[in-house]
Amino acid sequence: MFRRVASTVEVMRVGLEQVRRDWTRLGSTEPLWAVCVDPAKRGGGWDDDEFLASGRADIDPSVARLEELGIRPEGGRVLDFGCGAGRLSNALAAHFPEVVGVDISAPMLEEARRLDRSGGRIEFVLNERPDLSVFGDASFDLVYTDLVLQHLPPVLAEGYVREFARVLRPGGAMVLGVPESERRTFKGLVFRYAPWPLVALAQRVLLRYPAPMRMHTLRTERIAELVPGGRIAASDEYWGGDHWRHLRHFVVSEAGT
């Protein structure tokens, strides 16, 4: 048992360090494109205002959906996990009085601070740990993360979801945007069956990514297991493409659990 636990800790440490290196490199070279990948935007093609507007286009419908489900938090402290260059942090700040953006990439956070349009209501925090111990229990009303967890090794992604449940206040909500499954297309099947080192090599050599972007799925039933004190109020399909089927899960922390 001790050896197995030690092995898991080592896998998490090595995996997290690789994620940190990759996203530090991406943040140093093409931060806006790495956050919102669009072949037409390579080489600095994102305009700052256009980039931030794309964040509002994602957040505004999500906040409306929280209200429709009757689970929009009454409080106002939001965690934007994997905030990158602050695309969603700024959009969340239009709806909530206090936003904390956390990321593993220092260059990404430098870009996020440059793009901060909130008037100082966003705090950006560098977190290089495989947990969220920098934050206390029940310290957020809303936890939001979108298209971030899939870039982490599964053991790390699942650990962070458990941490989301820990830092969420009773009665709070979390919004998790993740790939549910690979599509049965050529590209989807490549991601499902090809060894990760081969995919990473193809991204670096053929697609000329500054650093590879790991991709994994996280299924609905697994999320339910990871947040036993929460209830999945809705799981909406919201983004397609020919690689993945993406779902946005709206989870409410049951009061008193």
C-alpha atoms as a PDB file:
ATOM      1  CA  MET A   1       0.000   0.000   0.000  1.00  0.00           C
ATOM      2  CA  PHE A   2       2.779   2.441   0.919  1.00  0.00           C
ATOM      3  CA  ARG A   3       4.603   1.767  -2.344  1.00  0.00           C
ATOM      4  CA  ARG A   4       1.399   2.345  -4.344  1.00  0.00           C
ATOM      5  CA  VAL A   5       0.720   5.672  -2.604  1.00  0.00           C
ATOM      6  CA  ALA A   6       4.332   6.745  -3.095  1.00  0.00           C
ATOM      7  CA  SER A   7       4.102   5.810  -6.776  1.00  0.00           C
ATOM      8  CA  THR A   8       0.925   7.878  -7.223  1.00  0.00           C
ATOM      9  CA  VAL A   9       2.534  10.887  -5.565  1.00  0.00           C
ATOM     10  CA  GLU A  10       5.553  10.575  -7.858  1.00  0.00           C
ATOM     11  CA  VAL A  11       3.343  10.312 -10.951  1.00  0.00           C
ATOM     12  CA  MET A  12       1.520  13.463  -9.860  1.00  0.00           C
ATOM     13  CA  ARG A  13       4.763  15.328  -9.196  1.00  0.00           C
ATOM     14  CA  VAL A  14       6.329  14.412 -12.543  1.00  0.00           C
ATOM     15  CA  GLY A  15       3.092  15.019 -14.443  1.00  0.00           C
ATOM     16  CA  LEU A  16       2.545  18.406 -12.860  1.00  0.00           C
ATOM     17  CA  GLU A  17       6.091  19.500 -13.609  1.00  0.00           C
ATOM     18  CA  GLN A  18       5.634  18.565 -17.270  1.00  0.00           C
ATOM     19  CA  VAL A  19       2.360  20.520 -17.410  1.00  0.00           C
ATOM     20  CA  ARG A  20       4.112  23.506 -15.805  1.00  0.00           C
ATOM     21  CA  ARG A  21       6.943  23.410 -18.368  1.00  0.00           C
ATOM     22  CA  ASP A  22       4.618  23.037 -21.348  1.00  0.00           C
ATOM     23  CA  TRP A  23       2.241  25.834 -20.330  1.00  0.00           C
ATOM     24  CA  THR A  24       5.070  28.116 -19.299  1.00  0.00           C
ATOM     25  CA  ARG A  25       6.439  27.736 -22.799  1.00  0.00           C
ATOM     26  CA  LEU A  26       3.021  28.280 -24.372  1.00  0.00           C
ATOM     27  CA  GLY A  27       2.466  31.333 -22.189  1.00  0.00           C
ATOM     28  CA  SER A  28       5.843  32.728 -23.172  1.00  0.00           C
ATOM     29  CA  THR A  29       5.290  32.342 -26.910  1.00  0.00           C
ATOM     30  CA  GLU A  30       1.596  32.514 -27.886  1.00  0.00           C
ATOM     31  CA  PRO A  31      -0.542  32.937 -24.752  1.00  0.00           C
ATOM     32  CA  LEU A  32      -3.811  34.060 -26.366  1.00  0.00           C
ATOM     33  CA  TRP A  33      -3.704  31.423 -29.096  1.00  0.00           C
ATOM     34  CA  ALA A  34      -2.832  28.692 -26.574  1.00  0.00           C
ATOM     35  CA  VAL A  35      -5.856  29.634 -24.461  1.00  0.00           C
ATOM     36  CA  CYS A  36      -8.243  29.843 -27.415  1.00  0.00           C
ATOM     37  CA  VAL A  37      -6.802  27.704 -30.198  1.00  0.00           C
ATOM     38  CA  ASP A  38      -7.760  28.861 -33.681  1.00  0.00           C
ATOM     39  CA  PRO A  39      -5.528  28.117 -36.699  1.00  0.00           C
ATOM     40  CA  ALA A  40      -6.362  31.555 -38.085  1.00  0.00           C
ATOM     41  CA  LYS A  41      -5.012  33.236 -34.938  1.00  0.00           C
ATOM     42  CA  ARG A  42      -1.495  31.820 -34.934  1.00  0.00           C
ATOM     43  CA  GLY A  43       1.339  34.330 -34.758  1.00  0.00           C
ATOM     44  CA  GLY A  44      -0.405  36.938 -32.611  1.00  0.00           C
ATOM     45  CA  GLY A  45      -3.662  36.946 -34.554  1.00  0.00           C
ATOM     46  CA  TRP A  46      -5.885  37.541 -31.521  1.00  0.00           C
ATOM     47  CA  ASP A  47      -6.894  41.141 -30.889  1.00  0.00           C
ATOM     48  CA  ASP A  48      -7.151  41.844 -27.142  1.00  0.00           C
ATOM     49  CA  ASP A  49     -10.765  43.046 -27.254  1.00  0.00           C
ATOM     50  CA  GLU A  50     -11.811  40.196 -29.530  1.00  0.00           C
ATOM     51  CA  PHE A  51     -10.132  37.712 -27.193  1.00  0.00           C
ATOM     52  CA  LEU A  52     -11.951  39.057 -24.143  1.00  0.00           C
ATOM     53  CA  ALA A  53     -15.250  39.195 -26.035  1.00  0.00           C
ATOM     54  CA  SER A  54     -14.913  35.472 -26.735  1.00  0.00           C
ATOM     55  CA  GLY A  55     -14.794  34.941 -22.973  1.00  0.00           C
ATOM     56  CA  ARG A  56     -18.043  36.844 -22.476  1.00  0.00           C
ATOM     57  CA  ALA A  57     -19.641  34.716 -25.188  1.00  0.00           C
ATOM     58  CA  ASP A  58     -18.877  31.648 -23.053  1.00  0.00           C
ATOM     59  CA  ILE A  59     -19.601  33.014 -19.578  1.00  0.00           C
ATOM     60  CA  ASP A  60     -22.827  34.951 -20.172  1.00  0.00           C
ATOM     61  CA  PRO A  61     -24.823  31.857 -21.275  1.00  0.00           C
ATOM     62  CA  SER A  62     -23.353  29.817 -18.404  1.00  0.00           C
ATOM     63  CA  VAL A  63     -24.431  32.379 -15.810  1.00  0.00           C
ATOM     64  CA  ALA A  64     -27.883  32.487 -17.416  1.00  0.00           C
ATOM     65  CA  ARG A  65     -28.000  28.685 -17.205  1.00  0.00           C
ATOM     66  CA  LEU A  66     -27.121  28.783 -13.489  1.00  0.00           C
ATOM     67  CA  GLU A  67     -30.026  31.180 -12.966  1.00  0.00           C
ATOM     68  CA  GLU A  68     -32.362  29.004 -15.035  1.00  0.00           C
ATOM     69  CA  LEU A  69     -31.450  25.968 -12.923  1.00  0.00           C
ATOM     70  CA  GLY A  70     -31.938  27.974  -9.741  1.00  0.00           C
ATOM     71  CA  ILE A  71     -28.395  27.358  -8.523  1.00  0.00           C
ATOM     72  CA  ARG A  72     -26.659  30.667  -9.134  1.00  0.00           C
ATOM     73  CA  PRO A  73     -24.772  31.335  -5.863  1.00  0.00           C
ATOM     74  CA  GLU A  74     -26.001  34.153  -3.660  1.00  0.00           C
ATOM     75  CA  GLY A  75     -22.428  35.057  -2.690  1.00  0.00           C
ATOM     76  CA  GLY A  76     -19.859  36.535  -4.942  1.00  0.00           C
ATOM     77  CA  ARG A  77     -16.396  34.928  -4.677  1.00  0.00           C
ATOM     78  CA  VAL A  78     -15.462  32.924  -7.780  1.00  0.00           C
ATOM     79  CA  LEU A  79     -12.517  30.631  -8.514  1.00  0.00           C
ATOM     80  CA  ASP A  80     -11.484  30.521 -12.179  1.00  0.00           C
ATOM     81  CA  PHE A  81      -9.287  27.408 -12.305  1.00  0.00           C
ATOM     82  CA  GLY A  82      -6.743  27.323 -15.132  1.00  0.00           C
ATOM     83  CA  CYS A  83      -7.434  30.971 -15.888  1.00  0.00           C
ATOM     84  CA  GLY A  84      -4.606  31.304 -18.425  1.00  0.00           C
ATOM     85  CA  ALA A  85      -4.580  34.823 -19.835  1.00  0.00           C
ATOM     86  CA  GLY A  86      -7.760  35.806 -17.976  1.00  0.00           C
ATOM     87  CA  ARG A  87     -10.234  35.365 -20.827  1.00  0.00           C
ATOM     88  CA  LEU A  88     -12.957  33.965 -18.557  1.00  0.00           C
ATOM     89  CA  SER A  89     -11.826  35.790 -15.413  1.00  0.00           C
ATOM     90  CA  ASN A  90     -12.728  39.142 -16.943  1.00  0.00           C
ATOM     91  CA  ALA A  91     -16.092  37.844 -18.107  1.00  0.00           C
ATOM     92  CA  LEU A  92     -16.852  36.383 -14.662  1.00  0.00           C
ATOM     93  CA  ALA A  93     -15.963  39.743 -13.065  1.00  0.00           C
ATOM     94  CA  ALA A  94     -18.858  41.289 -15.000  1.00  0.00           C
ATOM     95  CA  HIS A  95     -21.242  39.076 -12.981  1.00  0.00           C
ATOM     96  CA  PHE A  96     -19.542  38.614  -9.604  1.00  0.00           C
ATOM     97  CA  PRO A  97     -17.747  41.090  -7.306  1.00  0.00           C
ATOM     98  CA  GLU A  98     -14.625  39.020  -6.617  1.00  0.00           C
ATOM     99  CA  VAL A  99     -12.766  36.610  -8.919  1.00  0.00           C
ATOM    100  CA  VAL A 100      -9.626  34.608  -8.179  1.00  0.00           C
ATOM    101  CA  GLY A 101      -7.842  33.286 -11.257  1.00  0.00           C
ATOM    102  CA  VAL A 102      -5.377  30.478 -10.597  1.00  0.00           C
ATOM    103  CA  ASP A 103      -2.900  29.029 -13.070  1.00  0.00           C
ATOM    104  CA  ILE A 104       0.325  27.041 -13.167  1.00  0.00           C
ATOM    105  CA  SER A 105       2.016  29.259 -15.798  1.00  0.00           C
ATOM    106  CA  ALA A 106       3.679  32.474 -14.619  1.00  0.00           C
ATOM    107  CA  PRO A 107       3.833  33.951 -18.161  1.00  0.00           C
ATOM    108  CA  MET A 108       0.122  33.285 -18.616  1.00  0.00           C
ATOM    109  CA  LEU A 109      -0.602  35.190 -15.415  1.00  0.00           C
ATOM    110  CA  GLU A 110       1.541  38.097 -16.574  1.00  0.00           C
ATOM    111  CA  GLU A 111      -0.627  38.280 -19.689  1.00  0.00           C
ATOM    112  CA  ALA A 112      -3.769  37.991 -17.564  1.00  0.00           C
ATOM    113  CA  ARG A 113      -2.711  40.953 -15.436  1.00  0.00           C
ATOM    114  CA  ARG A 114      -2.053  42.977 -18.594  1.00  0.00           C
ATOM    115  CA  LEU A 115      -5.543  42.207 -19.855  1.00  0.00           C
ATOM    116  CA  ASP A 116      -7.316  42.789 -16.538  1.00  0.00           C
ATOM    117  CA  ARG A 117     -10.273  45.103 -17.218  1.00  0.00           C
ATOM    118  CA  SER A 118     -11.965  44.545 -13.843  1.00  0.00           C
ATOM    119  CA  GLY A 119     -10.665  47.582 -11.991  1.00  0.00           C
ATOM    120  CA  GLY A 120      -8.763  45.428  -9.526  1.00  0.00           C
ATOM    121  CA  ARG A 121     -11.516  42.932  -8.670  1.00  0.00           C
ATOM    122  CA  ILE A 122      -9.554  39.968 -10.044  1.00  0.00           C
ATOM    123  CA  GLU A 123      -6.712  38.406  -8.083  1.00  0.00           C
ATOM    124  CA  PHE A 124      -4.361  36.197 -10.092  1.00  0.00           C
ATOM    125  CA  VAL A 125      -2.587  33.440  -8.165  1.00  0.00           C
ATOM    126  CA  LEU A 126       0.260  31.174  -9.278  1.00  0.00           C
ATOM    127  CA  ASN A 127      -0.288  27.620  -8.034  1.00  0.00           C
ATOM    128  CA  GLU A 128       2.353  24.989  -8.753  1.00  0.00           C
ATOM    129  CA  ARG A 129       0.940  22.373  -6.390  1.00  0.00           C
ATOM    130  CA  PRO A 130      -1.154  19.293  -7.244  1.00  0.00           C
ATOM    131  CA  ASP A 131      -3.845  20.638  -4.900  1.00  0.00           C
ATOM    132  CA  LEU A 132      -5.514  23.910  -3.916  1.00  0.00           C
ATOM    133  CA  SER A 133      -4.112  24.071  -0.386  1.00  0.00           C
ATOM    134  CA  VAL A 134      -3.431  27.776  -0.930  1.00  0.00           C
ATOM    135  CA  PHE A 135      -7.206  28.182  -0.382  1.00  0.00           C
ATOM    136  CA  GLY A 136      -9.158  27.247   2.731  1.00  0.00           C
ATOM    137  CA  ASP A 137     -12.190  24.991   2.979  1.00  0.00           C
ATOM    138  CA  ALA A 138     -15.506  26.469   1.832  1.00  0.00           C
ATOM    139  CA  SER A 139     -13.899  29.674   0.546  1.00  0.00           C
ATOM    140  CA  PHE A 140     -15.668  30.097  -2.822  1.00  0.00           C
ATOM    141  CA  ASP A 141     -19.281  30.505  -3.909  1.00  0.00           C
ATOM    142  CA  LEU A 142     -18.593  29.367  -7.477  1.00  0.00           C
ATOM    143  CA  VAL A 143     -15.841  27.267  -9.008  1.00  0.00           C
ATOM    144  CA  TYR A 144     -15.528  27.601 -12.781  1.00  0.00           C
ATOM    145  CA  THR A 145     -13.223  25.745 -15.133  1.00  0.00           C
ATOM    146  CA  ASP A 146     -13.596  25.234 -18.859  1.00  0.00           C
ATOM    147  CA  LEU A 147     -11.420  23.225 -21.253  1.00  0.00           C
ATOM    148  CA  VAL A 148      -8.619  22.962 -18.687  1.00  0.00           C
ATOM    149  CA  LEU A 149      -8.854  19.597 -16.934  1.00  0.00           C
ATOM    150  CA  GLN A 150      -8.335  17.668 -20.167  1.00  0.00           C
ATOM    151  CA  HIS A 151      -4.806  19.079 -20.420  1.00  0.00           C
ATOM    152  CA  LEU A 152      -3.807  17.363 -17.154  1.00  0.00           C
ATOM    153  CA  PRO A 153      -2.904  13.731 -16.490  1.00  0.00           C
ATOM    154  CA  PRO A 154      -6.078  12.033 -15.224  1.00  0.00           C
ATOM    155  CA  VAL A 155      -4.803  11.498 -11.675  1.00  0.00           C
ATOM    156  CA  LEU A 156      -4.146  15.239 -11.390  1.00  0.00           C
ATOM    157  CA  ALA A 157      -7.430  16.275 -12.990  1.00  0.00           C
ATOM    158  CA  GLU A 158      -9.409  14.072 -10.623  1.00  0.00           C
ATOM    159  CA  GLY A 159      -7.489  15.382  -7.629  1.00  0.00           C
ATOM    160  CA  TYR A 160      -8.349  18.955  -8.559  1.00  0.00           C
ATOM    161  CA  VAL A 161     -12.049  18.104  -8.899  1.00  0.00           C
ATOM    162  CA  ARG A 162     -11.964  16.767  -5.337  1.00  0.00           C
ATOM    163  CA  GLU A 163     -10.332  20.035  -4.316  1.00  0.00           C
ATOM    164  CA  PHE A 164     -13.077  22.021  -6.041  1.00  0.00           C
ATOM    165  CA  ALA A 165     -15.588  20.272  -3.794  1.00  0.00           C
ATOM    166  CA  ARG A 166     -13.479  21.081  -0.732  1.00  0.00           C
ATOM    167  CA  VAL A 167     -13.105  24.818  -1.415  1.00  0.00           C
ATOM    168  CA  LEU A 168     -16.775  25.244  -2.418  1.00  0.00           C
ATOM    169  CA  ARG A 169     -19.169  26.570   0.192  1.00  0.00           C
ATOM    170  CA  PRO A 170     -22.354  24.600   0.985  1.00  0.00           C
ATOM    171  CA  GLY A 171     -24.992  25.823  -1.427  1.00  0.00           C
ATOM    172  CA  GLY A 172     -22.350  26.973  -3.901  1.00  0.00           C
ATOM    173  CA  ALA A 173     -21.994  25.749  -7.457  1.00  0.00           C
ATOM    174  CA  MET A 174     -19.311  24.584  -9.823  1.00  0.00           C
ATOM    175  CA  VAL A 175     -19.253  24.627 -13.609  1.00  0.00           C
ATOM    176  CA  LEU A 176     -16.969  22.047 -15.213  1.00  0.00           C
ATOM    177  CA  GLY A 177     -16.428  22.120 -18.971  1.00  0.00           C
ATOM    178  CA  VAL A 178     -14.698  18.892 -20.045  1.00  0.00           C
ATOM    179  CA  PRO A 179     -14.607  16.414 -22.929  1.00  0.00           C
ATOM    180  CA  GLU A 180     -16.993  13.555 -22.199  1.00  0.00           C
ATOM    181  CA  SER A 181     -15.674  11.277 -24.954  1.00  0.00           C
ATOM    182  CA  GLU A 182     -13.733  11.156 -28.181  1.00  0.00           C
ATOM    183  CA  ARG A 183     -15.783  11.308 -31.356  1.00  0.00           C
ATOM    184  CA  ARG A 184     -15.616   8.307 -33.659  1.00  0.00           C
ATOM    185  CA  THR A 185     -13.702  10.213 -36.299  1.00  0.00           C
ATOM    186  CA  PHE A 186     -10.124   9.791 -37.457  1.00  0.00           C
ATOM    187  CA  LYS A 187      -8.844  12.569 -35.209  1.00  0.00           C
ATOM    188  CA  GLY A 188     -10.931  11.450 -32.256  1.00  0.00           C
ATOM    189  CA  LEU A 189      -9.743   7.854 -32.553  1.00  0.00           C
ATOM    190  CA  VAL A 190      -6.129   8.989 -32.838  1.00  0.00           C
ATOM    191  CA  PHE A 191      -6.434  10.775 -29.502  1.00  0.00           C
ATOM    192  CA  ARG A 192      -8.135   7.746 -27.965  1.00  0.00           C
ATOM    193  CA  TYR A 193      -5.734   5.036 -29.084  1.00  0.00           C
ATOM    194  CA  ALA A 194      -2.421   6.612 -30.074  1.00  0.00           C
ATOM    195  CA  PRO A 195       0.268   6.684 -27.353  1.00  0.00           C
ATOM    196  CA  TRP A 196       0.642  10.146 -25.824  1.00  0.00           C
ATOM    197  CA  PRO A 197       4.360  10.507 -26.785  1.00  0.00           C
ATOM    198  CA  LEU A 198       3.385   9.968 -30.433  1.00  0.00           C
ATOM    199  CA  VAL A 199       0.578  12.541 -30.235  1.00  0.00           C
ATOM    200  CA  ALA A 200       2.932  15.018 -28.552  1.00  0.00           C
ATOM    201  CA  LEU A 201       5.527  14.491 -31.268  1.00  0.00           C
ATOM    202  CA  ALA A 202       2.928  15.084 -33.988  1.00  0.00           C
ATOM    203  CA  GLN A 203       1.806  18.301 -32.306  1.00  0.00           C
ATOM    204  CA  ARG A 204       5.361  19.573 -32.077  1.00  0.00           C
ATOM    205  CA  VAL A 205       6.612  18.467 -35.532  1.00  0.00           C
ATOM    206  CA  LEU A 206       3.544  18.446 -37.811  1.00  0.00           C
ATOM    207  CA  LEU A 207       1.388  21.141 -36.209  1.00  0.00           C
ATOM    208  CA  ARG A 208       4.365  23.126 -34.897  1.00  0.00           C
ATOM    209  CA  TYR A 209       2.878  23.777 -31.479  1.00  0.00           C
ATOM    210  CA  PRO A 210       5.334  25.598 -29.182  1.00  0.00           C
ATOM    211  CA  ALA A 211       4.609  22.816 -26.677  1.00  0.00           C
ATOM    212  CA  PRO A 212       2.251  19.833 -26.784  1.00  0.00           C
ATOM    213  CA  MET A 213      -1.265  20.013 -25.370  1.00  0.00           C
ATOM    214  CA  ARG A 214      -2.279  16.840 -23.557  1.00  0.00           C
ATOM    215  CA  MET A 215      -5.910  15.760 -23.972  1.00  0.00           C
ATOM    216  CA  HIS A 216      -8.017  13.417 -21.838  1.00  0.00           C
ATOM    217  CA  THR A 217     -11.701  12.786 -21.213  1.00  0.00           C
ATOM    218  CA  LEU A 218     -13.542  12.939 -17.901  1.00  0.00           C
ATOM    219  CA  ARG A 219     -16.866  11.152 -17.878  1.00  0.00           C
ATOM    220  CA  THR A 220     -20.010  12.308 -16.127  1.00  0.00           C
ATOM    221  CA  GLU A 221     -20.256   9.304 -13.832  1.00  0.00           C
ATOM    222  CA  ARG A 222     -16.686   9.836 -12.668  1.00  0.00           C
ATOM    223  CA  ILE A 223     -17.382  13.476 -11.825  1.00  0.00           C
ATOM    224  CA  ALA A 224     -20.347  12.341  -9.717  1.00  0.00           C
ATOM    225  CA  GLU A 225     -18.022   9.997  -7.812  1.00  0.00           C
ATOM    226  CA  LEU A 226     -15.476  12.763  -7.221  1.00  0.00           C
ATOM    227  CA  VAL A 227     -18.002  15.194  -5.720  1.00  0.00           C
ATOM    228  CA  PRO A 228     -20.173  13.001  -3.479  1.00  0.00           C
ATOM    229  CA  GLY A 229     -21.496  16.081  -1.656  1.00  0.00           C
ATOM    230  CA  GLY A 230     -22.712  17.588  -4.908  1.00  0.00           C
ATOM    231  CA  ARG A 231     -25.588  17.121  -7.312  1.00  0.00           C
ATOM    232  CA  ILE A 232     -25.190  17.433 -11.073  1.00  0.00           C
ATOM    233  CA  ALA A 233     -28.122  19.677 -11.976  1.00  0.00           C
ATOM    234  CA  ALA A 234     -27.446  19.574 -15.730  1.00  0.00           C
ATOM    235  CA  SER A 235     -24.881  18.377 -18.255  1.00  0.00           C
ATOM    236  CA  ASP A 236     -25.139  20.356 -21.487  1.00  0.00           C
ATOM    237  CA  GLU A 237     -23.347  19.580 -24.715  1.00  0.00           C
ATOM    238  CA  TYR A 238     -21.898  22.901 -25.782  1.00  0.00           C
ATOM    239  CA  TRP A 239     -19.046  22.516 -28.197  1.00  0.00           C
ATOM    240  CA  GLY A 240     -18.426  20.116 -31.030  1.00  0.00           C
ATOM    241  CA  GLY A 241     -15.628  19.824 -33.494  1.00  0.00           C
ATOM    242  CA  ASP A 242     -14.400  16.580 -34.977  1.00  0.00           C
ATOM    243  CA  HIS A 243     -12.261  15.501 -32.004  1.00  0.00           C
ATOM    244  CA  TRP A 244     -14.426  15.515 -28.877  1.00  0.00           C
ATOM    245  CA  ARG A 245     -17.893  15.625 -27.397  1.00  0.00           C
ATOM    246  CA  HIS A 246     -17.747  18.357 -24.761  1.00  0.00           C
ATOM    247  CA  LEU A 247     -20.134  18.712 -21.828  1.00  0.00           C
ATOM    248  CA  ARG A 248     -20.580  21.570 -19.400  1.00  0.00           C
ATOM    249  CA  HIS A 249     -21.619  20.200 -16.002  1.00  0.00           C
ATOM    250  CA  PHE A 250     -23.522  22.403 -13.556  1.00  0.00           C
ATOM    251  CA  VAL A 251     -22.987  21.012 -10.057  1.00  0.00           C
ATOM    252  CA  VAL A 252     -24.525  22.330  -6.849  1.00  0.00           C
ATOM    253  CA  SER A 253     -23.008  21.672  -3.421  1.00  0.00           C
ATOM    254  CA  GLU A 254     -25.837  20.453  -1.244  1.00  0.00           C
ATOM    255  CA  ALA A 255     -26.163  22.634   1.878  1.00  0.00           C
ATOM    256  CA  GLY A 256     -24.955  20.921   5.018  1.00  0.00           C
ATOM    257  CA  THR A 257     -22.938  18.171   3.318  1.00  0.00           C
END
